[in-house]
Amino acid sequence: MRVEFYVLSSANPADRLRAACQLAAKGWRHGLPVLLRCADAAQRDELDQLLWRFRGESFIPHDLVGDDASAPVVLALDEEPGTQQGLLINLASTISPHVDRFSRVIEIVNQEPDLLAACRENFRAYRQRGYDPKRVEL
C-alpha cells in the first residue's frame, strides 16, 4: 500500500476540502474507486455540496456510502467501504479502520495545530504498521 501525506501551507479547512476534491477527481479520472473519509457528518455534507460545484465544466460522480457504496467517488465516515483496492482520501484525524482494503492512502494535512499533531501520530502509526509513508508538499 502506498501512503502519502499531502501537506498544505495554509491552516484554512476549506483548502483541505478543495484539495480533497482535486485528488478525488484525479483518482476517478485514472479509474480508481475513491473513498473520501470525512471527520464528521457536517464535513461530509459540506464536501458533498462542494463536489457538485467544484468544477463547473466537469461532474465528479459521487454519493454517500449509505446511498451507493459502489459510486466512483464515495463519501463516508467509518462505514465499511463498498469496494477494495482503490484510493482512500482521509480527512479524519485518525487512521481508517479499513485502511488495509486500499492500495493507496492520501492524508491531507494543513497547518492547523491539532490536525498537524494528529497527522504526525498517524505518520508514526503507519510506519509502525510497516508502511513507508511519504510527504508531499502542495
Protein backbone atom coordinates (compact mmCIF):
# COMPACT_ATOMS: atom_id res chain seq x y z
CA MET A 1 0.00 0.00 0.00
CA ARG A 2 1.20 3.48 -0.89
CA VAL A 3 0.71 6.11 1.84
CA GLU A 4 1.22 9.82 1.20
CA PHE A 5 0.75 12.88 3.38
CA TYR A 6 -0.14 15.89 1.24
CA VAL A 7 0.90 18.96 3.21
CA LEU A 8 -0.83 22.30 2.59
CA SER A 9 0.85 25.56 3.55
CA SER A 10 -2.32 27.13 4.99
CA ALA A 11 -4.41 26.37 8.08
CA ASN A 12 -7.70 27.01 6.24
CA PRO A 13 -10.07 23.99 6.46
CA ALA A 14 -11.66 24.96 3.10
CA ASP A 15 -8.28 24.43 1.40
CA ARG A 16 -8.26 20.82 2.66
CA LEU A 17 -11.70 20.21 1.16
CA ARG A 18 -10.70 21.74 -2.18
CA ALA A 19 -7.55 19.58 -2.23
CA ALA A 20 -9.69 16.51 -1.44
CA CYS A 21 -11.98 17.32 -4.39
CA GLN A 22 -8.99 17.77 -6.73
CA LEU A 23 -7.44 14.48 -5.61
CA ALA A 24 -10.78 12.63 -5.85
CA ALA A 25 -11.29 13.93 -9.39
CA LYS A 26 -7.78 12.88 -10.37
CA GLY A 27 -8.20 9.40 -8.86
CA TRP A 28 -11.57 8.96 -10.58
CA ARG A 29 -10.15 10.07 -13.95
CA HIS A 30 -7.41 7.44 -13.52
CA GLY A 31 -10.05 4.75 -12.99
CA LEU A 32 -9.60 4.26 -9.25
CA PRO A 33 -12.57 3.85 -6.93
CA VAL A 34 -12.25 6.71 -4.41
CA LEU A 35 -13.41 6.83 -0.81
CA LEU A 36 -13.39 10.22 0.92
CA ARG A 37 -13.34 9.54 4.66
CA CYS A 38 -14.72 12.57 6.46
CA ALA A 39 -14.18 13.62 10.06
CA ASP A 40 -17.89 14.06 10.79
CA ALA A 41 -21.32 14.38 9.18
CA ALA A 42 -21.03 18.16 8.82
CA GLN A 43 -17.77 17.84 6.87
CA ARG A 44 -19.27 15.04 4.77
CA ASP A 45 -22.27 17.21 3.87
CA GLU A 46 -20.02 20.19 3.05
CA LEU A 47 -17.84 18.02 0.84
CA ASP A 48 -20.91 16.55 -0.86
CA GLN A 49 -22.04 20.07 -1.79
CA LEU A 50 -18.54 21.11 -2.86
CA LEU A 51 -18.21 18.13 -5.21
CA TRP A 52 -21.35 19.32 -7.05
CA ARG A 53 -19.97 22.79 -7.70
CA PHE A 54 -16.22 22.15 -7.50
CA ARG A 55 -15.65 22.43 -11.24
CA GLY A 56 -18.38 23.97 -13.32
CA GLU A 57 -17.24 22.25 -16.51
CA SER A 58 -16.90 18.72 -15.14
CA PHE A 59 -19.03 16.49 -12.96
CA ILE A 60 -17.46 14.25 -10.33
CA PRO A 61 -19.84 11.29 -9.85
CA HIS A 62 -20.22 10.72 -6.13
CA ASP A 63 -22.62 9.51 -3.47
CA LEU A 64 -22.80 8.78 0.24
CA VAL A 65 -21.71 5.26 1.19
CA GLY A 66 -25.20 4.52 2.56
CA ASP A 67 -26.86 5.55 -0.72
CA ASP A 68 -24.49 3.95 -3.25
CA ALA A 69 -21.32 2.34 -1.91
CA SER A 70 -20.23 1.49 -5.47
CA ALA A 71 -20.28 5.08 -6.81
CA PRO A 72 -16.98 6.18 -8.41
CA VAL A 73 -16.39 8.61 -5.50
CA VAL A 74 -17.92 7.68 -2.15
CA LEU A 75 -18.25 9.88 0.93
CA ALA A 76 -18.11 8.06 4.27
CA LEU A 77 -17.26 8.33 7.93
CA ASP A 78 -16.20 4.92 9.27
CA GLU A 79 -18.64 2.78 7.30
CA GLU A 80 -17.41 -0.34 5.55
CA PRO A 81 -16.15 0.55 2.05
CA GLY A 82 -18.10 -0.86 -0.88
CA THR A 83 -15.00 -1.58 -2.96
CA GLN A 84 -11.47 -2.74 -2.39
CA GLN A 85 -8.06 -1.71 -3.73
CA GLY A 86 -8.88 1.90 -4.54
CA LEU A 87 -7.86 5.29 -3.19
CA LEU A 88 -8.67 6.39 0.35
CA ILE A 89 -8.50 10.14 0.94
CA ASN A 90 -8.54 10.56 4.70
CA LEU A 91 -9.82 13.82 6.17
CA ALA A 92 -10.40 12.38 9.63
CA SER A 93 -7.74 12.80 12.31
CA THR A 94 -7.31 9.05 12.83
CA ILE A 95 -6.30 6.18 10.58
CA SER A 96 -9.27 4.45 8.97
CA PRO A 97 -10.23 1.09 10.49
CA HIS A 98 -10.48 -0.15 6.87
CA VAL A 99 -7.11 1.20 5.69
CA ASP A 100 -5.82 -2.23 4.65
CA ARG A 101 -8.54 -2.52 2.00
CA PHE A 102 -6.96 0.23 -0.14
CA SER A 103 -3.99 0.23 -2.48
CA ARG A 104 -3.32 3.92 -1.89
CA VAL A 105 -3.97 6.29 1.03
CA ILE A 106 -3.70 10.06 0.99
CA GLU A 107 -3.83 12.03 4.24
CA ILE A 108 -4.40 15.76 3.70
CA VAL A 109 -2.58 17.86 6.28
CA ASN A 110 -2.85 21.59 6.87
CA GLN A 111 -1.12 23.86 9.36
CA GLU A 112 -3.88 23.79 11.99
CA PRO A 113 -2.00 22.75 15.18
CA ASP A 114 -4.36 19.98 16.41
CA LEU A 115 -4.62 18.39 12.97
CA LEU A 116 -0.85 18.68 12.46
CA ALA A 117 -0.26 16.81 15.74
CA ALA A 118 -2.80 14.10 14.83
CA CYS A 119 -1.25 13.63 11.39
CA ARG A 120 2.21 13.28 12.92
CA GLU A 121 0.80 10.48 15.09
CA ASN A 122 -0.75 8.85 12.02
CA PHE A 123 2.58 9.08 10.16
CA ARG A 124 4.29 7.21 13.04
CA ALA A 125 1.44 4.67 13.22
CA TYR A 126 1.75 3.87 9.50
CA ARG A 127 5.47 3.28 10.00
CA GLN A 128 4.77 1.01 12.97
CA ARG A 129 2.42 -1.00 10.72
CA GLY A 130 5.26 -1.50 8.24
CA TYR A 131 4.31 1.12 5.64
CA ASP A 132 6.67 3.76 4.28
CA PRO A 133 4.65 7.00 4.25
CA LYS A 134 5.86 9.82 2.04
CA ARG A 135 5.44 13.56 2.49
CA VAL A 136 4.27 15.64 -0.48
CA GLU A 137 4.29 19.45 -0.27
CA LEU A 138 1.41 21.17 -2.05
